[in-house]
Protein backbone atom coordinates (compact mmCIF):
# COMPACT_ATOMS: atom_id res chain seq x y z
CA UNK A 1 19.87 -197.62 144.17
CA UNK A 2 19.74 -194.99 141.43
CA UNK A 3 16.53 -194.67 139.41
CA UNK A 4 16.92 -193.86 135.74
CA UNK A 5 14.31 -191.47 134.36
CA UNK A 6 12.84 -193.16 131.29
CA UNK A 7 10.72 -191.35 128.68
CA UNK A 8 7.67 -193.07 130.21
CA UNK A 9 8.46 -191.74 133.69
CA UNK A 10 9.03 -188.28 132.27
CA UNK A 11 5.69 -188.32 130.42
CA UNK A 12 3.78 -189.49 133.47
CA UNK A 13 5.31 -186.78 135.66
CA UNK A 14 4.50 -184.13 133.08
CA UNK A 15 0.90 -185.36 132.85
CA UNK A 16 0.51 -185.15 136.60
CA UNK A 17 1.86 -181.61 136.63
CA UNK A 18 -0.69 -180.48 134.06
CA UNK A 19 -3.75 -181.97 135.70
CA UNK A 20 -5.24 -179.76 138.43
CA UNK A 21 -5.37 -181.38 141.81
CA UNK A 22 -9.15 -181.04 141.84
CA UNK A 23 -9.46 -183.52 139.00
CA UNK A 24 -7.54 -186.13 140.97
CA UNK A 25 -9.91 -186.06 143.92
CA UNK A 26 -12.74 -188.53 144.25
CA UNK A 27 -15.15 -185.85 145.39
CA UNK A 28 -14.80 -184.15 142.03
CA UNK A 29 -15.94 -187.25 140.18
CA UNK A 30 -18.79 -187.75 142.62
CA UNK A 31 -19.88 -184.16 141.98
CA UNK A 32 -19.64 -184.58 138.21
CA UNK A 33 -21.65 -187.80 138.37
CA UNK A 34 -24.30 -186.22 140.59
CA UNK A 35 -24.72 -183.17 138.38
CA UNK A 36 -24.77 -185.36 135.30
CA UNK A 37 -27.45 -187.55 136.79
CA UNK A 38 -29.58 -184.54 137.73
CA UNK A 39 -29.35 -183.18 134.18
CA UNK A 40 -30.19 -186.60 132.80
CA UNK A 41 -33.08 -186.98 135.21
CA UNK A 42 -34.62 -183.62 134.41
CA UNK A 43 -34.52 -184.29 130.69
CA UNK A 44 -35.32 -187.98 130.50
CA UNK A 45 -37.11 -188.90 133.72
CA UNK A 46 -40.14 -186.75 133.16
CA UNK A 47 -41.75 -190.07 132.23
CA UNK A 48 -44.14 -188.59 129.71
CA UNK A 49 -44.80 -188.41 126.00
CA UNK A 50 -45.98 -185.35 124.11
CA UNK A 51 -49.33 -185.58 122.34
CA UNK A 52 -47.69 -186.22 118.99
CA UNK A 53 -45.31 -188.85 120.34
CA UNK A 54 -48.08 -190.63 122.21
CA UNK A 55 -50.22 -190.88 119.08
CA UNK A 56 -47.23 -192.15 117.10
CA UNK A 57 -46.34 -194.77 119.71
CA UNK A 58 -49.90 -196.09 119.88
CA UNK A 59 -50.25 -196.23 116.09
CA UNK A 60 -48.25 -199.46 116.23
CA UNK A 61 -51.30 -201.68 116.70
CA UNK A 62 -52.53 -204.39 114.37
CA UNK A 63 -56.13 -203.16 114.31
CA UNK A 64 -55.11 -199.85 112.83
CA UNK A 65 -56.76 -197.71 115.51
CA UNK A 66 -55.62 -194.10 115.82
CA UNK A 67 -55.20 -192.76 119.34
CA UNK A 68 -56.51 -189.34 120.28
CA UNK A 69 -55.23 -187.07 123.03
CA UNK A 70 -57.56 -184.71 124.87
CA UNK A 71 -57.03 -181.76 127.18
CA UNK A 72 -59.58 -180.14 129.48
CA UNK A 73 -59.75 -177.74 132.42
CA UNK A 74 -61.78 -178.32 135.56
CA UNK A 75 -61.61 -177.33 139.23
CA UNK A 76 -58.73 -174.95 138.48
CA UNK A 77 -56.60 -177.74 137.03
CA UNK A 78 -55.48 -178.68 133.55
CA UNK A 79 -55.87 -182.37 132.68
CA UNK A 80 -54.90 -184.63 129.79
CA UNK A 81 -55.88 -188.13 128.72
CA UNK A 82 -55.35 -190.46 125.78
CA UNK A 83 -57.89 -192.88 124.34
CA UNK A 84 -57.91 -195.56 121.69
CA UNK A 85 -60.39 -198.10 120.38
CA UNK A 86 -64.05 -198.59 119.50
CA UNK A 87 -66.74 -196.56 121.31
CA UNK A 88 -69.14 -199.50 120.94
CA UNK A 89 -67.05 -201.62 123.32
CA UNK A 90 -66.84 -201.44 127.14
CA UNK A 91 -64.56 -198.70 128.43
CA UNK A 92 -61.40 -199.55 130.38
CA UNK A 93 -59.60 -196.71 132.17
CA UNK A 94 -56.00 -197.27 133.25
CA UNK A 95 -54.74 -195.28 136.26
CA UNK A 96 -50.98 -195.08 136.75
CA UNK A 97 -48.95 -195.03 139.93
CA UNK A 98 -46.16 -192.72 141.09
CA UNK A 99 -43.97 -191.51 139.54
CA UNK A 100 -45.39 -192.17 136.10
CA UNK A 101 -47.89 -190.97 133.50
CA UNK A 102 -50.29 -192.35 130.91
CA UNK A 103 -47.24 -193.45 128.90
CA UNK A 104 -46.76 -196.23 131.49
CA UNK A 105 -49.62 -198.13 129.81
CA UNK A 106 -48.25 -197.83 126.27
CA UNK A 107 -47.90 -201.57 125.61
CA UNK A 108 -51.39 -202.25 126.94
CA UNK A 109 -53.06 -199.43 125.03
CA UNK A 110 -51.92 -200.95 121.74
CA UNK A 111 -52.41 -204.60 122.76
CA UNK A 112 -54.36 -206.49 120.10
CA UNK A 113 -56.28 -208.64 122.59
CA UNK A 114 -57.48 -205.63 124.55
CA UNK A 115 -58.33 -203.56 121.48
CA UNK A 116 -60.55 -206.42 120.31
CA UNK A 117 -62.42 -206.32 123.61
CA UNK A 118 -62.47 -202.81 125.07
CA UNK A 119 -62.10 -199.13 124.35
CA UNK A 120 -59.14 -197.88 126.41
CA UNK A 121 -58.41 -194.60 128.08
CA UNK A 122 -55.55 -193.41 130.31
CA UNK A 123 -55.33 -190.01 132.01
CA UNK A 124 -52.22 -188.34 133.34
CA UNK A 125 -52.91 -188.07 137.06
CA UNK A 126 -52.63 -184.52 138.46
CA UNK A 127 -49.02 -183.38 138.60
CA UNK A 128 -47.77 -185.94 136.08
CA UNK A 129 -47.52 -186.12 132.31
CA UNK A 130 -49.32 -183.08 130.93
CA UNK A 131 -51.91 -182.74 133.71
CA UNK A 132 -50.35 -179.71 135.36
CA UNK A 133 -46.87 -181.23 135.40
CA UNK A 134 -45.08 -180.41 138.64
CA UNK A 135 -48.16 -179.24 140.54
CA UNK A 136 -49.00 -181.91 143.11
CA UNK A 137 -52.54 -182.75 144.21
CA UNK A 138 -52.36 -184.72 147.46
CA UNK A 139 -56.12 -184.93 148.00
CA UNK A 140 -57.40 -188.25 146.63
CA UNK A 141 -60.93 -186.87 146.72
CA UNK A 142 -59.87 -183.97 144.51
CA UNK A 143 -58.01 -186.29 142.14
CA UNK A 144 -61.15 -188.40 141.82
CA UNK A 145 -63.25 -185.33 141.05
CA UNK A 146 -60.80 -184.28 138.34
CA UNK A 147 -60.88 -187.69 136.65
CA UNK A 148 -64.61 -188.22 137.18
CA UNK A 149 -65.32 -185.52 134.60
CA UNK A 150 -63.96 -187.91 131.96
CA UNK A 151 -66.14 -190.77 133.17
CA UNK A 152 -69.24 -188.58 133.21
CA UNK A 153 -68.67 -187.59 129.60
CA UNK A 154 -68.12 -191.22 128.56
CA UNK A 155 -71.02 -192.81 130.43
CA UNK A 156 -73.50 -192.04 127.65
CA UNK A 157 -71.32 -194.03 125.22
CA UNK A 158 -70.48 -196.99 127.44
CA UNK A 159 -72.81 -199.16 129.50
CA UNK A 160 -69.76 -200.78 131.09
CA UNK A 161 -66.92 -198.78 132.62
CA UNK A 162 -63.99 -200.57 134.26
CA UNK A 163 -61.14 -199.02 136.24
CA UNK A 164 -57.71 -200.60 136.40
CA UNK A 165 -55.49 -198.95 138.99
CA UNK A 166 -51.86 -199.82 139.65
CA UNK A 167 -50.13 -198.89 142.93
CA UNK A 168 -51.19 -195.29 143.75
CA UNK A 169 -53.52 -195.50 140.77
CA UNK A 170 -55.37 -198.19 142.72
CA UNK A 171 -55.98 -195.65 145.49
CA UNK A 172 -57.56 -193.33 142.95
CA UNK A 173 -59.63 -196.18 141.47
CA UNK A 174 -61.00 -196.98 144.91
CA UNK A 175 -61.94 -193.36 145.58
CA UNK A 176 -63.66 -193.06 142.21
CA UNK A 177 -65.71 -196.20 142.92
CA UNK A 178 -66.58 -194.80 146.37
CA UNK A 179 -67.56 -191.29 145.30
CA UNK A 180 -69.09 -192.13 141.90
CA UNK A 181 -70.54 -195.65 142.19
CA UNK A 182 -72.94 -195.02 139.29
CA UNK A 183 -69.99 -194.44 136.95
CA UNK A 184 -68.03 -197.57 137.82
CA UNK A 185 -69.07 -201.14 137.00
CA UNK A 186 -65.81 -202.95 137.63
CA UNK A 187 -62.48 -202.32 139.37
CA UNK A 188 -59.17 -204.13 139.08
CA UNK A 189 -56.71 -203.33 141.85
CA UNK A 190 -53.15 -204.15 140.79
CA UNK A 191 -50.57 -203.97 143.58
CA UNK A 192 -52.77 -201.20 144.91
CA UNK A 193 -52.09 -199.04 147.94
CA UNK A 194 -55.32 -199.27 149.91
CA UNK A 195 -54.56 -199.82 153.62
CA UNK A 196 -53.32 -196.86 155.69
CA UNK A 197 -49.65 -197.21 156.58
CA UNK A 198 -49.15 -200.57 154.86
CA UNK A 199 -46.41 -199.54 152.45
CA UNK A 200 -42.70 -198.81 152.43
CA UNK A 201 -41.52 -195.23 152.78
CA UNK A 202 -37.84 -195.02 151.93
CA UNK A 203 -35.47 -193.14 154.23
CA UNK A 204 -34.57 -190.74 151.42
CA UNK A 205 -38.21 -189.66 150.99
CA UNK A 206 -38.31 -187.29 153.97
CA UNK A 207 -35.07 -185.35 153.35
CA UNK A 208 -35.74 -185.00 149.62
CA UNK A 209 -39.16 -183.54 150.38
CA UNK A 210 -37.57 -180.56 152.15
CA UNK A 211 -35.96 -177.42 150.79
CA UNK A 212 -33.49 -177.25 149.09
CA UNK A 213 -33.20 -180.94 148.16
CA UNK A 214 -36.72 -181.14 146.76
CA UNK A 215 -35.70 -178.66 144.06
CA UNK A 216 -32.68 -180.76 143.09
CA UNK A 217 -34.51 -184.01 142.33
CA UNK A 218 -36.55 -184.75 139.18
CA UNK A 219 -40.03 -183.20 139.19
CA UNK A 220 -41.76 -186.57 138.99
CA UNK A 221 -39.95 -187.77 142.11
CA UNK A 222 -40.87 -184.59 143.97
CA UNK A 223 -44.55 -185.08 143.17
CA UNK A 224 -44.32 -188.74 144.18
CA UNK A 225 -42.73 -187.70 147.49
CA UNK A 226 -45.54 -185.26 148.23
CA UNK A 227 -48.16 -187.90 147.49
CA UNK A 228 -46.30 -190.54 149.49
CA UNK A 229 -46.02 -188.47 152.65
CA UNK A 230 -49.73 -187.59 152.60
CA UNK A 231 -50.91 -191.04 151.60
CA UNK A 232 -51.63 -192.56 154.99
CA UNK A 233 -53.91 -189.71 156.05
CA UNK A 234 -55.71 -189.78 152.71
CA UNK A 235 -56.35 -193.52 153.02
CA UNK A 236 -57.65 -193.02 156.56
CA UNK A 237 -60.23 -190.61 155.15
CA UNK A 238 -61.39 -193.40 152.84
CA UNK A 239 -61.68 -196.06 155.56
CA UNK A 240 -65.41 -195.49 156.16
CA UNK A 241 -66.31 -195.19 152.46
CA UNK A 242 -65.68 -198.77 151.32
CA UNK A 243 -69.35 -199.64 151.74
CA UNK A 244 -70.06 -197.31 148.79
CA UNK A 245 -68.32 -199.60 146.31
CA UNK A 246 -70.95 -201.63 144.47
CA UNK A 247 -68.88 -202.65 141.45
CA UNK A 248 -67.31 -206.04 140.77
CA UNK A 249 -63.72 -206.17 142.02
CA UNK A 250 -60.63 -208.23 141.21
CA UNK A 251 -57.55 -207.76 143.39
CA UNK A 252 -54.14 -208.71 141.98
CA UNK A 253 -51.29 -208.79 144.47
CA UNK A 254 -47.74 -210.14 144.52
CA UNK A 255 -46.92 -212.14 147.64
CA UNK A 256 -43.37 -210.70 147.69
CA UNK A 257 -44.29 -207.06 147.13
CA UNK A 258 -41.96 -205.06 149.39
CA UNK A 259 -43.31 -201.67 148.36
CA UNK A 260 -47.09 -202.09 148.67
CA UNK A 261 -47.40 -204.88 151.20
CA UNK A 262 -49.71 -207.86 150.65
CA UNK A 263 -51.77 -206.72 153.65
CA UNK A 264 -53.28 -204.09 151.34
CA UNK A 265 -55.01 -206.84 149.38
CA UNK A 266 -56.48 -208.59 152.41
CA UNK A 267 -57.58 -205.23 153.84
CA UNK A 268 -59.48 -204.40 150.67
CA UNK A 269 -61.11 -207.81 150.49
CA UNK A 270 -62.42 -207.42 154.05
CA UNK A 271 -63.68 -203.90 153.35
CA UNK A 272 -65.56 -204.69 150.12
CA UNK A 273 -68.74 -205.87 151.83
CA UNK A 274 -71.14 -204.42 149.25
CA UNK A 275 -69.20 -205.14 146.08
CA UNK A 276 -71.08 -207.18 143.49
CA UNK A 277 -68.15 -209.58 143.20
CA UNK A 278 -64.79 -209.87 144.96
CA UNK A 279 -61.88 -212.09 143.96
CA UNK A 280 -58.36 -211.89 145.39
CA UNK A 281 -55.68 -213.38 143.14
CA UNK A 282 -52.23 -213.91 144.62
CA UNK A 283 -49.20 -213.79 142.32
CA UNK A 284 -46.88 -216.15 144.16
CA UNK A 285 -43.31 -214.93 144.56
CA UNK A 286 -43.98 -211.75 142.60
CA UNK A 287 -43.02 -208.23 143.64
CA UNK A 288 -44.57 -204.89 142.86
CA UNK A 289 -44.16 -204.71 139.09
CA UNK A 290 -46.87 -207.09 137.90
CA UNK A 291 -47.37 -204.87 134.85
CA UNK A 292 -44.36 -206.50 133.22
CA UNK A 293 -43.87 -209.76 135.11
CA UNK A 294 -47.47 -211.01 134.99
CA UNK A 295 -48.93 -209.41 131.88
CA UNK A 296 -50.92 -212.54 130.95
CA UNK A 297 -52.56 -212.52 134.38
CA UNK A 298 -53.50 -208.88 133.92
CA UNK A 299 -54.91 -209.46 130.45
CA UNK A 300 -56.96 -212.45 131.56
CA UNK A 301 -58.24 -210.49 134.57
CA UNK A 302 -59.41 -207.69 132.30
CA UNK A 303 -61.20 -210.17 130.05
CA UNK A 304 -62.85 -211.72 133.11
CA UNK A 305 -63.89 -208.33 134.45
CA UNK A 306 -65.54 -207.39 131.15
CA UNK A 307 -67.79 -210.43 131.52
CA UNK A 308 -68.42 -209.82 135.22
CA UNK A 309 -69.26 -206.15 134.84
CA UNK A 310 -71.69 -206.96 132.07
CA UNK A 311 -73.44 -209.75 133.95
CA UNK A 312 -76.69 -209.07 135.79
CA UNK A 313 -76.18 -211.73 138.42
CA UNK A 314 -72.76 -212.06 140.00
CA UNK A 315 -71.78 -214.47 142.75
CA UNK A 316 -69.52 -212.96 145.36
CA UNK A 317 -66.26 -214.82 145.97
CA UNK A 318 -64.55 -214.25 149.32
């Protein structure tokens, strides 16, 4: 059977002749996608706001409070934090997980209910945001010392200081309450990593923590990897320090959290033998991201903690 060359066939053949073979291979498109993602990640996945942007974002609050951003140097590190609210109210410090920064708490820092109740503050943990971005600090003790300088400067203004730590930020909150019990009146652990080895480490974490791959992934992910791989040993160092926590404690944990396992919550509850108050609240069927899925629970827990931390007599719940 004889095929007749139509104008369409001719055009298609010409198009194929002009396109390099490389462009017709799947590996080329995979390479383009990968490089594009890396460029996107480096520019957009830094997960941080500049000082000016942070202030502008937080200006969108009904009370009309203006946020302020502060920088300081201590222990050979540069640190940054943002604060907003009334100095006459109790102080609530938010501590973010990994990878993240103080910008993670944006919607909470401008929440009208919280601004009516507390003064709020959120630091960039070491290595994130503008606290020495890209320079990891795997020692939880050192991280606590870096953040404690803020609490020390604020203690004269606030009789009540509450820490709210999410995920890895919960680890830091625990260490602060252990090492500086006089600076902490209340702690809220939200999906917090507290028990050694009781969390998921993804298979990609190990290879991407080695040269040269660690230089090809976004900086925030590299810092998170370094923290993740040192986390178990750091938590083991804290195992004998739980008796130091005297503050009131509320533990919020999703029953379906596949990243920070629910066993972290029960571990903490058993360890908090000297805490003024302990309450474990299970979020049934919830995963790791309670920040967005259970915001009302978080807000009500903060309100409850303000009352608990200010009370002279607290009944322990176990």
